Protein backbone atom coordinates (compact mmCIF):
# COMPACT_ATOMS: atom_id res chain seq x y z
CA MET A 1 -3.82 -3.05 16.60
CA ARG A 2 -3.54 -6.96 16.79
CA THR A 3 -5.33 -9.62 15.05
CA ILE A 4 -6.17 -13.09 17.11
CA PRO A 5 -7.15 -15.61 14.71
CA ASN A 6 -9.07 -18.84 15.69
CA LYS A 7 -8.66 -18.04 19.50
CA ARG A 8 -11.23 -17.61 22.10
CA ILE A 9 -10.72 -14.08 23.78
CA LEU A 10 -11.33 -14.53 27.76
CA ALA A 11 -11.61 -10.90 29.32
CA ILE A 12 -11.54 -10.84 33.04
CA SER A 13 -11.22 -7.80 35.25
CA ASP A 14 -10.97 -6.33 38.70
CA ILE A 15 -9.56 -9.32 40.49
CA HIS A 16 -8.39 -7.39 43.51
CA GLY A 17 -6.68 -10.34 45.41
CA CYS A 18 -9.37 -12.90 44.81
CA TYR A 19 -6.88 -15.65 43.76
CA GLN A 20 -8.97 -18.47 44.47
CA GLU A 21 -11.92 -17.14 42.34
CA LEU A 22 -9.40 -16.47 39.57
CA VAL A 23 -8.08 -20.12 39.56
CA GLN A 24 -11.59 -21.54 39.66
CA LEU A 25 -12.80 -19.29 36.83
CA LEU A 26 -9.87 -20.24 34.34
CA LYS A 27 -10.72 -23.83 35.21
CA LEU A 28 -14.34 -23.51 34.61
CA ASN A 29 -13.34 -22.25 31.18
CA ASP A 30 -10.98 -24.66 30.37
CA TYR A 31 -8.40 -22.06 29.80
CA ASN A 32 -5.60 -23.34 27.50
CA PRO A 33 -2.94 -20.67 26.44
CA LYS A 34 -2.52 -22.50 23.26
CA ASP A 35 -6.19 -22.13 22.12
CA ASP A 36 -7.10 -18.94 24.10
CA GLN A 37 -6.09 -15.32 24.38
CA LEU A 38 -6.53 -14.46 27.80
CA ILE A 39 -6.80 -10.47 28.53
CA LEU A 40 -6.74 -9.13 32.07
CA LEU A 41 -7.85 -5.52 32.59
CA GLY A 42 -6.27 -4.46 35.79
CA ASP A 43 -6.80 -4.15 39.43
CA TYR A 44 -4.96 -7.30 40.70
CA ILE A 45 -4.58 -6.15 44.19
CA ASP A 46 -6.00 -4.51 47.03
CA ARG A 47 -9.29 -5.41 49.29
CA GLY A 48 -9.12 -9.13 48.46
CA PRO A 49 -7.21 -11.76 50.56
CA GLU A 50 -4.33 -12.61 48.49
CA SER A 51 -2.90 -9.61 46.35
CA LYS A 52 0.90 -10.94 46.33
CA ARG A 53 -0.19 -14.45 45.26
CA THR A 54 -2.60 -12.98 42.47
CA VAL A 55 0.47 -10.75 40.98
CA ALA A 56 2.67 -13.79 40.94
CA TYR A 57 0.07 -16.16 39.52
CA ILE A 58 -0.60 -13.32 36.63
CA MET A 59 3.03 -12.92 35.98
CA LYS A 60 3.01 -16.65 35.32
CA LEU A 61 0.04 -16.26 33.07
CA VAL A 62 1.58 -13.54 31.10
CA GLU A 63 4.78 -15.76 30.42
CA GLU A 64 2.31 -18.21 29.15
CA GLY A 65 0.91 -15.69 26.71
CA ALA A 66 -1.71 -13.53 28.59
CA ILE A 67 -2.20 -9.99 28.18
CA ALA A 68 -2.42 -7.97 31.42
CA LEU A 69 -3.27 -4.34 31.41
CA ARG A 70 -2.87 -1.79 34.05
CA GLY A 71 -5.62 -0.62 36.54
CA ASN A 72 -5.79 2.24 39.03
CA HIS A 73 -5.07 0.11 42.05
CA ASP A 74 -1.97 -1.19 40.48
CA GLN A 75 -0.95 2.38 39.74
CA MET A 76 -1.80 3.36 43.31
CA PHE A 77 0.60 0.78 44.57
CA LEU A 78 3.42 1.83 42.63
CA GLU A 79 2.85 5.52 43.64
CA PHE A 80 2.73 4.53 47.20
CA ILE A 81 6.03 2.38 46.96
CA PHE A 82 7.88 5.03 44.62
CA SER A 83 6.70 8.37 45.91
CA ASP A 84 6.92 9.93 49.32
CA ASP A 85 3.69 12.14 48.50
CA PRO A 86 1.63 11.75 51.55
CA ASP A 87 -1.73 12.34 49.66
CA LYS A 88 -0.98 9.63 47.56
CA GLU A 89 -0.11 7.32 50.40
CA ARG A 90 -3.51 8.53 52.13
CA ARG A 91 -5.37 7.72 49.09
CA TYR A 92 -3.97 4.39 48.71
CA LEU A 93 -4.59 3.29 52.18
CA MET A 94 -8.20 4.62 52.00
CA ASN A 95 -8.71 2.46 48.94
CA GLY A 96 -7.74 -1.02 50.41
CA GLY A 97 -4.09 -0.58 50.12
CA MET A 98 -3.31 -2.13 53.70
CA THR A 99 -4.58 -5.60 52.59
CA THR A 100 -1.96 -5.65 49.89
CA LEU A 101 0.97 -4.51 52.03
CA GLU A 102 0.22 -7.26 54.47
CA THR A 103 0.50 -9.86 51.85
CA TYR A 104 3.92 -8.65 51.05
CA VAL A 105 5.33 -7.97 54.50
CA GLY A 106 3.23 -10.04 56.73
CA GLU A 107 -0.10 -9.33 58.55
CA ASP A 108 1.84 -8.74 61.94
CA TYR A 109 4.07 -6.12 60.41
CA PHE A 110 1.99 -3.06 61.30
CA PRO A 111 0.76 -2.03 64.65
CA ASP A 112 -3.03 -1.34 65.03
CA ASP A 113 -2.62 2.41 63.95
CA ALA A 114 -0.11 1.52 60.83
CA ALA A 115 2.38 4.30 62.17
CA GLY A 116 4.14 6.18 59.52
CA GLU A 117 7.83 4.78 60.30
CA HIS A 118 6.28 1.15 59.86
CA LEU A 119 4.76 2.28 56.39
CA HIS A 120 8.10 3.77 55.25
CA SER A 121 9.91 0.40 56.28
CA ALA A 122 7.39 -1.69 54.69
CA ARG A 123 7.93 0.35 51.35
CA GLN A 124 11.62 -0.34 51.58
CA LEU A 125 11.36 -3.97 52.34
CA ILE A 126 9.16 -4.41 49.33
CA LYS A 127 11.52 -2.43 47.26
CA GLU A 128 14.29 -4.77 48.16
CA THR A 129 12.56 -8.21 48.12
CA ASP A 130 9.79 -7.86 45.37
CA ARG A 131 11.51 -5.91 42.45
CA GLU A 132 10.17 -8.43 39.91
CA HIS A 133 6.69 -7.70 41.02
CA LEU A 134 7.29 -3.82 40.96
CA ALA A 135 8.97 -4.01 37.51
CA PHE A 136 5.99 -6.31 36.34
CA LEU A 137 3.43 -3.74 37.46
CA SER A 138 5.41 -0.75 36.27
CA ASN A 139 5.53 -2.04 32.64
CA LEU A 140 1.77 -2.98 32.42
CA PRO A 141 0.21 -1.19 29.42
CA TYR A 142 -2.95 0.96 29.55
CA TYR A 143 -4.84 -0.54 26.66
CA PHE A 144 -5.14 -3.46 24.14
CA GLU A 145 -6.77 -3.11 20.74
CA THR A 146 -8.11 -5.78 18.23
CA GLU A 147 -9.89 -4.89 15.15
CA LYS A 148 -13.44 -5.06 16.97
CA HIS A 149 -12.52 -4.39 20.61
CA LEU A 150 -10.74 -2.11 22.67
CA PHE A 151 -9.72 -3.45 25.93
CA VAL A 152 -9.01 -0.80 28.84
CA HIS A 153 -9.39 -0.69 32.53
CA ALA A 154 -11.71 2.18 33.15
CA GLY A 155 -12.39 3.57 29.75
CA ILE A 156 -11.92 6.29 27.37
CA ASP A 157 -12.89 9.99 26.80
CA PRO A 158 -15.81 9.77 24.32
CA SER A 159 -15.56 13.61 23.26
CA LEU A 160 -12.24 12.99 21.70
CA ALA A 161 -11.83 12.36 17.94
CA ASP A 162 -8.79 10.07 18.49
CA TRP A 163 -9.52 8.13 21.61
CA LYS A 164 -5.70 7.52 22.08
CA ASN A 165 -5.30 11.05 23.23
CA THR A 166 -7.33 10.21 26.32
CA PRO A 167 -4.90 10.79 29.06
CA ASP A 168 -3.30 7.81 30.75
CA TYR A 169 -4.87 8.78 34.18
CA ASP A 170 -8.42 8.63 32.46
CA LYS A 171 -7.85 5.25 30.83
CA ILE A 172 -7.52 3.73 34.56
CA TRP A 173 -9.85 6.30 36.43
CA ILE A 174 -12.46 7.81 34.34
CA ARG A 175 -15.98 6.89 35.09
CA HIS A 176 -19.18 9.39 34.46
CA GLU A 177 -17.48 10.96 31.54
CA PHE A 178 -17.01 7.39 29.95
CA LEU A 179 -20.17 5.64 31.24
CA GLY A 180 -22.79 8.33 30.62
CA PHE A 181 -22.06 9.14 26.97
CA ASP A 182 -21.75 6.96 23.92
CA HIS A 183 -18.50 6.93 21.94
CA PRO A 184 -18.58 7.35 18.31
CA HIS A 185 -15.90 4.87 17.45
CA HIS A 186 -16.55 1.36 15.47
CA PHE A 187 -15.21 -0.74 18.02
CA THR A 188 -16.51 -2.00 21.23
CA VAL A 189 -14.99 -0.98 24.45
CA VAL A 190 -14.56 -3.75 27.19
CA HIS A 191 -13.82 -2.38 30.49
CA GLY A 192 -13.76 -2.94 34.16
CA HIS A 193 -13.28 -0.28 37.05
CA SER A 194 -16.96 0.56 37.55
CA PRO A 195 -18.86 -2.49 39.15
CA THR A 196 -21.58 -3.59 36.74
CA GLN A 197 -24.23 -2.82 39.81
CA TYR A 198 -23.21 0.55 39.78
CA ILE A 199 -23.55 1.17 36.02
CA ARG A 200 -27.15 -0.56 36.40
CA GLY A 201 -28.18 1.22 39.75
CA ARG A 202 -29.17 -2.02 41.20
CA LYS A 203 -27.74 -5.21 42.67
CA ASP A 204 -26.77 -7.24 39.53
CA ASN A 205 -23.14 -8.07 39.06
CA SER A 206 -23.44 -9.68 35.94
CA ILE A 207 -21.82 -8.50 32.85
CA PHE A 208 -23.24 -5.41 31.52
CA PHE A 209 -23.86 -4.92 27.69
CA GLY A 210 -24.39 -1.24 26.74
CA ASN A 211 -23.94 0.56 23.51
CA LYS A 212 -20.51 -0.54 22.25
CA LYS A 213 -19.42 -0.78 25.75
CA ILE A 214 -19.33 -4.00 27.84
CA GLY A 215 -18.75 -3.69 31.63
CA ILE A 216 -17.30 -7.03 33.21
CA ASP A 217 -16.46 -5.69 36.95
CA GLY A 218 -18.63 -7.97 39.14
CA ALA A 219 -17.26 -6.62 42.28
CA CYS A 220 -15.80 -9.89 43.63
CA ALA A 221 -13.67 -8.42 46.51
CA TYR A 222 -16.89 -6.78 47.63
CA GLY A 223 -18.88 -10.20 47.81
CA GLY A 224 -19.87 -9.98 44.23
CA ARG A 225 -18.54 -12.30 41.42
CA LEU A 226 -15.51 -12.68 38.97
CA ASN A 227 -16.79 -12.58 35.80
CA CYS A 228 -15.52 -13.71 32.35
CA LEU A 229 -16.38 -12.17 28.98
CA ILE A 230 -15.77 -14.93 26.22
CA ILE A 231 -15.61 -13.44 22.68
CA MET A 232 -15.94 -15.79 19.89
CA GLU A 233 -15.82 -14.09 16.48
CA ASP A 234 -19.11 -12.19 16.53
CA SER A 235 -20.59 -13.74 19.70
CA TYR A 236 -20.25 -13.44 23.32
CA GLN A 237 -20.76 -15.74 26.28
CA THR A 238 -20.33 -15.04 29.92
CA THR A 239 -19.38 -17.16 32.98
CA TYR A 240 -18.61 -16.36 36.57
CA ILE A 241 -17.46 -17.68 39.77
CA SER A 242 -19.50 -16.44 42.64
CA ASN A 243 -18.33 -14.64 45.73
CA GLU A 244 -21.61 -13.41 46.65
CA LYS A 245 -23.00 -13.82 50.37
CA ALA A 246 -26.30 -15.14 50.90
């Protein structure tokens, strides 16, 4: 647990390669790493247009003091790179992974059918040329806690007396078991992973405030918005950059 005295906390999640929106959102909030604690809740890649550029920028933000957590898409990318498991490869490609691979090896690298040998050579090329990015993503933590808040990508298992026994897999993948049940802990869980319109059951991408849960995934890469939750002592503010299509 860590105390963050006299600083605004800015929490952002599920950037998904939306580099421009991230830059605009930080500018909108006059982000200053000396005065603010930025916490990024994972899923920096896939689906959006600039995954590699986004990862490079987040690495810079972390060097300046930001905290970056692991998301399920970041994990799927690592599993694609370091595993020869065809099921993991298939799952990654089904979840928007090709957009990320193209930012690392070039849009013209793959034929239309993304033949297996091209995927294999892309994997090897990324291993050779982007070691720093892979090392950064491989070392991302699964959560960050303060006295009043737990920041995690997807959530925790509310049925466990000790939430830290939630498997790492669930911390980045859990959905119904977390969203559908109250948790017994004193802190508020700030999470992404599940777009807030999914939580609400209607099209509304604003930040969702529930019972000791705050969902901040605004589905930016799906034409939604990139949300920022601002925490100042006992108060919350919200800002966003819209990517919503008319």
